[in-house]
Amino acid sequence: MKAWKPALAAIIAAMIAFFAPLPYFISYPGDATSTERLIDVKGATKEPGDLMMLTIAQRRATPYFLVESLFLPFADRSSVSDYLYDGESDAQYEDRQKLYMEEAQHNAMIEGYELAGKQVSVDFKGIYVSGVIPGGPAAGKLQAGDQIVSLDGNSIESLRDFMKTINAKKAGTKVDLTFLRNKKEQKAAITVNRLTKESEQVGLGIYEPLPMSSVSTKPEVDFNVEDVGGPSAGMMFTLEIYDQLTEGDLAKGYKIAGTGTIEEGGKVGPIGGAWQKVVAADEADAEIMFVPAGENYKEAKPSIKKIETKMKLVPIKTVEDALDYLEDLPEK
């Protein structure tokens, strides 16, 4: 009569194992995706060489997947606190990743068009608040997702302009902010203060302010990127845009993967999961992989040896480094 109880207990245990969230994220090697499929410069001719962006796959841990990850050589486990700011929800974290991707596309457009000598212009929209530091000056006044559009009655021209103005203030100085929340304009007076007791640097007490802007180009360029967040595709986006804007095949017939953020002036910034992205590149039969020089390069080298790939790992500091390397590459 009670034979159903063990079966019910087994079902409940299985549901907990597979679906109960734990305070960890698990990451794995992701995919290598042709940037030619994701970016379309109007009137451009596509070439036979292949440039590829690299991703890592990420999921919230459950008991089952946490145990499974222990037996996967290229899986990594990290505390949720390594990813989420204090008070940030999973949904807000996803929104932040989407904004990183949007910024990567904008920076790639700016750098790619400038390198190719083509027309590009930027319309700055404001500062995105990624999160608010508990107990900091902005606590209770700003919240994650707010868009700051003016400071002391003056429009903000760039993230650099905003940070320079704030950092020039003395501790205890009050600033007036105008911001958008759910598309509605609001105002707040916030007293800037030292970020730590040991530091003289002052701030508003917000996590990682991010620029929000729109970029116009001639010829036009369209991105078709879905379900991918973060800034790490910026460098490869820049190469793809430059390739489509200029004559010839930048990849010279090779399959070339890469990772790295793109920053002002063409600087390539560090990314997460370089050692895992080596696996994604190799599984896509990449022959060359660009990686940010420094720690990312050091991190990726052991993976090259571990999977015994013939793929060449190339460290770069700027997008010009990548272009110089490709210029010297013999045609395949």
Protein backbone atom coordinates (compact mmCIF):
# COMPACT_ATOMS: atom_id res chain seq x y z
CA MET A 1 0.00 0.00 0.00
CA LYS A 2 2.88 2.33 0.67
CA ALA A 3 4.98 1.21 -2.28
CA TRP A 4 4.54 4.63 -3.87
CA LYS A 5 6.55 6.37 -1.12
CA PRO A 6 10.00 5.17 -2.20
CA ALA A 7 9.18 6.12 -5.79
CA LEU A 8 8.03 9.59 -4.70
CA ALA A 9 11.16 10.03 -2.60
CA ALA A 10 13.30 9.08 -5.60
CA ILE A 11 11.50 11.60 -7.81
CA ILE A 12 11.94 14.37 -5.23
CA ALA A 13 15.62 13.53 -4.81
CA ALA A 14 16.14 13.59 -8.57
CA MET A 15 14.40 16.96 -8.88
CA ILE A 16 16.60 18.41 -6.13
CA ALA A 17 19.73 17.00 -7.75
CA PHE A 18 18.92 18.42 -11.18
CA PHE A 19 17.05 21.64 -10.41
CA ALA A 20 17.91 22.96 -6.90
CA PRO A 21 20.18 25.99 -7.45
CA LEU A 22 23.44 26.22 -5.54
CA PRO A 23 25.50 29.40 -4.94
CA TYR A 24 27.96 28.50 -7.69
CA PHE A 25 28.36 28.98 -11.42
CA ILE A 26 29.92 26.29 -13.59
CA SER A 27 31.69 27.22 -16.82
CA TYR A 28 32.80 25.03 -19.73
CA PRO A 29 34.43 25.55 -23.13
CA GLY A 30 31.80 27.09 -25.42
CA ASP A 31 31.69 27.57 -29.17
CA ALA A 32 33.73 29.12 -31.96
CA THR A 33 31.41 31.14 -34.20
CA SER A 34 32.28 32.73 -37.53
CA THR A 35 32.07 36.50 -37.13
CA GLU A 36 31.17 36.71 -40.82
CA ARG A 37 27.80 35.16 -39.90
CA LEU A 38 27.24 37.72 -37.15
CA ILE A 39 28.30 40.97 -38.85
CA ASP A 40 27.15 42.43 -42.14
CA VAL A 41 28.69 45.62 -43.51
CA LYS A 42 26.45 46.95 -46.27
CA GLY A 43 27.92 46.34 -49.70
CA ALA A 44 30.87 44.30 -48.39
CA THR A 45 32.18 41.18 -50.10
CA LYS A 46 32.66 38.12 -47.87
CA GLU A 47 36.01 36.29 -48.21
CA PRO A 48 36.92 32.58 -47.88
CA GLY A 49 39.09 32.95 -44.76
CA ASP A 50 37.31 32.50 -41.43
CA LEU A 51 37.54 34.75 -38.37
CA MET A 52 35.87 33.28 -35.28
CA MET A 53 34.80 34.60 -31.88
CA LEU A 54 35.07 32.30 -28.87
CA THR A 55 32.72 31.79 -25.94
CA ILE A 56 32.49 29.86 -22.71
CA ALA A 57 29.25 28.20 -21.62
CA GLN A 58 27.97 28.98 -18.15
CA ARG A 59 25.19 27.65 -15.95
CA ARG A 60 24.01 27.92 -12.36
CA ALA A 61 25.15 24.85 -10.44
CA THR A 62 22.79 22.19 -9.12
CA PRO A 63 23.95 19.20 -7.03
CA TYR A 64 24.08 16.96 -10.10
CA PHE A 65 25.93 19.36 -12.38
CA LEU A 66 28.33 20.38 -9.62
CA VAL A 67 29.39 16.77 -9.10
CA GLU A 68 29.52 16.17 -12.87
CA SER A 69 31.83 19.17 -13.33
CA LEU A 70 34.41 17.57 -11.03
CA PHE A 71 35.03 14.93 -13.69
CA LEU A 72 35.24 17.30 -16.68
CA PRO A 73 38.85 18.47 -17.29
CA PHE A 74 37.95 21.92 -18.62
CA ALA A 75 35.06 22.77 -16.29
CA ASP A 76 35.45 25.46 -13.66
CA ARG A 77 33.44 26.23 -10.53
CA SER A 78 33.11 29.72 -9.07
CA SER A 79 31.10 31.28 -6.29
CA VAL A 80 28.09 33.33 -7.38
CA SER A 81 29.67 36.25 -5.50
CA ASP A 82 32.51 36.21 -8.06
CA TYR A 83 29.96 37.17 -10.72
CA LEU A 84 27.10 39.06 -9.04
CA TYR A 85 27.46 42.40 -7.31
CA ASP A 86 25.94 42.77 -3.83
CA GLY A 87 22.18 42.89 -4.27
CA GLU A 88 22.32 42.09 -7.99
CA SER A 89 19.82 39.51 -9.25
CA ASP A 90 20.51 36.88 -11.91
CA ALA A 91 18.31 38.90 -14.30
CA GLN A 92 20.26 42.11 -13.63
CA TYR A 93 23.50 40.21 -14.17
CA GLU A 94 22.21 39.05 -17.57
CA ASP A 95 21.26 42.64 -18.44
CA ARG A 96 24.79 43.74 -17.54
CA GLN A 97 26.28 41.05 -19.79
CA LYS A 98 24.09 42.24 -22.67
CA LEU A 99 25.32 45.78 -22.12
CA TYR A 100 28.92 44.54 -22.18
CA MET A 101 28.17 42.93 -25.55
CA GLU A 102 26.57 46.11 -26.84
CA GLU A 103 29.62 48.10 -25.73
CA ALA A 104 31.91 45.56 -27.45
CA GLN A 105 29.99 46.03 -30.70
CA HIS A 106 30.14 49.82 -30.45
CA ASN A 107 33.88 49.84 -29.67
CA ALA A 108 34.51 47.42 -32.55
CA MET A 109 32.57 49.66 -34.93
CA ILE A 110 34.53 52.73 -33.84
CA GLU A 111 37.95 51.06 -34.06
CA GLY A 112 37.21 49.06 -37.21
CA TYR A 113 35.89 52.04 -39.15
CA GLU A 114 38.67 54.36 -38.00
CA LEU A 115 41.32 51.80 -38.98
CA ALA A 116 39.70 51.49 -42.42
CA GLY A 117 39.38 55.27 -42.80
CA LYS A 118 35.58 55.14 -42.95
CA GLN A 119 32.94 57.40 -41.42
CA VAL A 120 31.82 56.74 -37.84
CA SER A 121 30.15 58.94 -35.19
CA VAL A 122 29.15 58.38 -31.57
CA ASP A 123 26.09 59.74 -29.73
CA PHE A 124 26.68 59.33 -25.99
CA LYS A 125 23.50 58.52 -24.01
CA GLY A 126 24.69 58.33 -20.41
CA ILE A 127 26.13 56.09 -17.70
CA TYR A 128 24.63 52.73 -16.79
CA VAL A 129 24.69 51.86 -13.08
CA SER A 130 25.73 48.21 -12.81
CA GLY A 131 25.07 48.08 -9.08
CA VAL A 132 25.20 50.10 -5.87
CA ILE A 133 27.67 49.38 -3.09
CA PRO A 134 25.76 48.70 0.16
CA GLY A 135 26.34 51.50 2.65
CA GLY A 136 27.98 53.69 0.01
CA PRO A 137 27.00 57.29 -0.91
CA ALA A 138 24.51 56.17 -3.60
CA ALA A 139 22.80 53.52 -1.47
CA GLY A 140 19.05 54.16 -1.32
CA LYS A 141 19.28 56.77 -4.09
CA LEU A 142 20.48 54.89 -7.16
CA GLN A 143 19.88 51.29 -8.11
CA ALA A 144 21.12 48.79 -10.67
CA GLY A 145 19.78 49.63 -14.12
CA ASP A 146 19.59 53.41 -13.64
CA GLN A 147 20.96 55.53 -16.49
CA ILE A 148 22.72 58.73 -15.37
CA VAL A 149 22.25 61.44 -18.01
CA SER A 150 23.57 64.61 -16.35
CA LEU A 151 25.88 65.68 -13.55
CA ASP A 152 25.39 69.03 -11.80
CA GLY A 153 23.10 70.10 -14.62
CA ASN A 154 25.63 69.35 -17.34
CA SER A 155 25.24 66.62 -19.93
CA ILE A 156 27.83 63.82 -19.80
CA GLU A 157 30.02 63.57 -22.89
CA SER A 158 31.75 60.26 -22.15
CA LEU A 159 32.53 57.75 -19.41
CA ARG A 160 36.01 59.27 -19.14
CA ASP A 161 34.47 62.76 -18.71
CA PHE A 162 32.12 61.46 -15.99
CA MET A 163 34.88 59.68 -14.04
CA LYS A 164 37.25 62.63 -14.33
CA THR A 165 34.61 65.01 -12.95
CA ILE A 166 33.73 62.74 -10.02
CA ASN A 167 37.36 61.97 -9.15
CA ALA A 168 38.16 65.71 -9.05
CA LYS A 169 35.62 66.29 -6.26
CA LYS A 170 36.64 66.52 -2.62
CA ALA A 171 35.17 64.10 -0.10
CA GLY A 172 31.95 65.55 1.30
CA THR A 173 31.04 67.43 -1.91
CA LYS A 174 27.42 67.06 -2.98
CA VAL A 175 26.62 66.40 -6.65
CA ASP A 176 23.25 66.58 -8.38
CA LEU A 177 22.44 63.71 -10.70
CA THR A 178 19.66 63.35 -13.24
CA PHE A 179 18.94 59.77 -14.22
CA LEU A 180 16.41 57.59 -15.96
CA ARG A 181 14.71 54.73 -14.14
CA ASN A 182 12.26 52.66 -16.16
CA LYS A 183 12.45 55.46 -18.77
CA LYS A 184 11.25 58.07 -16.23
CA GLU A 185 13.49 61.00 -15.31
CA GLN A 186 14.45 61.33 -11.65
CA LYS A 187 16.91 63.44 -9.65
CA ALA A 188 19.12 62.73 -6.66
CA ALA A 189 21.68 64.67 -4.62
CA ILE A 190 24.57 62.44 -3.55
CA THR A 191 27.57 63.30 -1.41
CA VAL A 192 30.73 61.82 -2.85
CA ASN A 193 33.02 60.15 -0.37
CA ARG A 194 36.26 58.24 -0.14
CA LEU A 195 35.96 54.72 -1.51
CA THR A 196 37.95 53.28 1.39
CA LYS A 197 39.37 54.66 4.62
CA GLU A 198 42.88 54.09 3.30
CA SER A 199 42.29 55.74 -0.10
CA GLU A 200 42.00 59.40 -1.05
CA GLN A 201 40.01 58.48 -4.18
CA VAL A 202 36.37 59.51 -3.98
CA GLY A 203 33.31 58.12 -5.72
CA LEU A 204 29.56 57.67 -5.74
CA GLY A 205 29.70 54.12 -4.43
CA ILE A 206 28.50 52.37 -7.59
CA TYR A 207 29.91 49.26 -9.20
CA GLU A 208 31.52 49.60 -12.62
CA PRO A 209 29.75 52.47 -14.40
CA LEU A 210 29.30 51.54 -18.05
CA PRO A 211 28.90 53.85 -21.06
CA MET A 212 25.64 53.84 -23.02
CA SER A 213 25.77 55.18 -26.56
CA SER A 214 24.65 54.77 -30.14
CA VAL A 215 27.09 54.56 -33.04
CA SER A 216 26.39 55.57 -36.64
CA THR A 217 28.52 54.43 -39.56
CA LYS A 218 28.74 54.83 -43.30
CA PRO A 219 28.38 52.28 -44.81
CA GLU A 220 25.94 50.79 -42.29
CA VAL A 221 26.77 47.68 -40.30
CA ASP A 222 24.37 45.19 -38.73
CA PHE A 223 25.03 42.70 -35.92
CA ASN A 224 23.10 39.47 -35.53
CA VAL A 225 24.24 38.28 -32.11
CA GLU A 226 21.81 36.39 -29.89
CA ASP A 227 22.15 34.72 -26.49
CA VAL A 228 25.77 35.85 -26.06
CA GLY A 229 26.87 38.40 -23.47
CA GLY A 230 30.08 39.93 -22.24
CA PRO A 231 32.79 42.06 -23.88
CA SER A 232 35.32 39.43 -24.96
CA ALA A 233 34.35 39.31 -28.66
CA GLY A 234 35.25 42.95 -29.23
CA MET A 235 38.67 42.36 -30.77
CA MET A 236 37.42 39.75 -33.26
CA PHE A 237 34.44 41.96 -34.15
CA THR A 238 36.93 44.73 -34.94
CA LEU A 239 38.94 42.47 -37.26
CA GLU A 240 35.77 41.30 -39.04
CA ILE A 241 34.52 44.84 -39.60
CA TYR A 242 37.93 45.94 -40.87
CA ASP A 243 38.07 42.89 -43.15
CA GLN A 244 34.69 43.70 -44.71
CA LEU A 245 35.59 47.37 -45.17
CA THR A 246 38.89 46.69 -46.93
CA GLU A 247 40.03 44.79 -50.00
CA GLY A 248 41.33 41.23 -49.78
CA ASP A 249 40.96 38.35 -47.35
CA LEU A 250 42.36 39.36 -43.96
CA ALA A 251 42.51 35.72 -42.82
CA LYS A 252 44.22 34.67 -46.07
CA GLY A 253 42.28 31.43 -46.21
CA TYR A 254 43.09 30.32 -42.65
CA LYS A 255 40.66 29.55 -39.81
CA ILE A 256 41.54 32.11 -37.16
CA ALA A 257 39.92 32.27 -33.74
CA GLY A 258 40.46 34.90 -31.08
CA THR A 259 39.33 36.58 -27.90
CA GLY A 260 39.90 39.89 -26.15
CA THR A 261 38.03 43.08 -25.39
CA ILE A 262 38.53 46.13 -27.57
CA GLU A 263 39.20 49.40 -25.81
CA GLU A 264 39.77 53.01 -26.84
CA GLY A 265 42.78 53.36 -29.10
CA GLY A 266 42.66 49.74 -30.21
CA LYS A 267 44.00 48.27 -26.98
CA VAL A 268 43.06 44.61 -26.45
CA GLY A 269 41.94 43.96 -22.88
CA PRO A 270 41.93 40.75 -20.79
CA ILE A 271 39.04 38.28 -20.69
CA GLY A 272 37.89 35.34 -18.61
CA GLY A 273 38.24 31.67 -19.49
CA ALA A 274 41.17 31.91 -21.91
CA TRP A 275 42.26 28.38 -20.98
CA GLN A 276 38.78 27.06 -21.82
CA LYS A 277 38.49 29.01 -25.07
CA VAL A 278 41.58 27.19 -26.38
CA VAL A 279 39.45 24.02 -26.37
CA ALA A 280 36.59 25.75 -28.22
CA ALA A 281 39.02 27.04 -30.86
CA ASP A 282 40.67 23.64 -31.35
CA GLU A 283 37.33 21.84 -31.66
CA ALA A 284 36.45 24.25 -34.48
CA ASP A 285 39.73 23.34 -36.26
CA ALA A 286 41.21 26.81 -35.81
CA GLU A 287 44.81 27.03 -37.02
CA ILE A 288 45.63 30.27 -35.19
CA MET A 289 44.23 31.76 -31.98
CA PHE A 290 44.74 35.36 -30.87
CA VAL A 291 44.74 35.91 -27.09
CA PRO A 292 45.46 38.99 -24.96
CA ALA A 293 49.15 39.15 -24.03
CA GLY A 294 50.15 38.77 -20.40
CA GLU A 295 48.14 36.71 -17.94
CA ASN A 296 45.63 35.43 -20.51
CA TYR A 297 48.45 34.12 -22.71
CA LYS A 298 50.14 32.44 -19.73
CA GLU A 299 46.79 30.94 -18.70
CA ALA A 300 46.07 29.56 -22.18
CA LYS A 301 49.47 27.95 -22.91
CA PRO A 302 48.99 24.87 -20.67
CA SER A 303 45.72 24.07 -22.48
CA ILE A 304 47.60 24.01 -25.79
CA LYS A 305 49.91 21.34 -24.39
CA LYS A 306 47.16 19.44 -22.61
CA ILE A 307 45.02 18.88 -25.70
CA GLU A 308 48.12 18.39 -27.89
CA THR A 309 46.90 20.75 -30.59
CA LYS A 310 48.98 22.11 -33.46
CA MET A 311 47.04 25.38 -33.29
CA LYS A 312 49.34 28.41 -32.92
CA LEU A 313 48.66 30.67 -29.94
CA VAL A 314 49.47 34.33 -30.70
CA PRO A 315 49.59 36.95 -27.90
CA ILE A 316 48.55 40.49 -28.84
CA LYS A 317 48.34 43.81 -27.00
CA THR A 318 46.48 45.84 -29.64
CA VAL A 319 44.31 45.15 -32.65
CA GLU A 320 47.20 46.52 -34.74
CA ASP A 321 49.32 43.62 -33.44
CA ALA A 322 46.78 41.22 -34.93
CA LEU A 323 46.68 43.12 -38.22
CA ASP A 324 50.49 43.12 -38.45
CA TYR A 325 50.58 39.38 -37.81
CA LEU A 326 47.97 38.72 -40.50
CA GLU A 327 49.74 41.01 -42.97
CA ASP A 328 52.91 38.91 -42.61
CA LEU A 329 50.99 35.62 -42.84
CA PRO A 330 51.57 33.85 -46.18
CA GLU A 331 48.54 33.08 -48.32
CA LYS A 332 47.24 29.58 -47.69
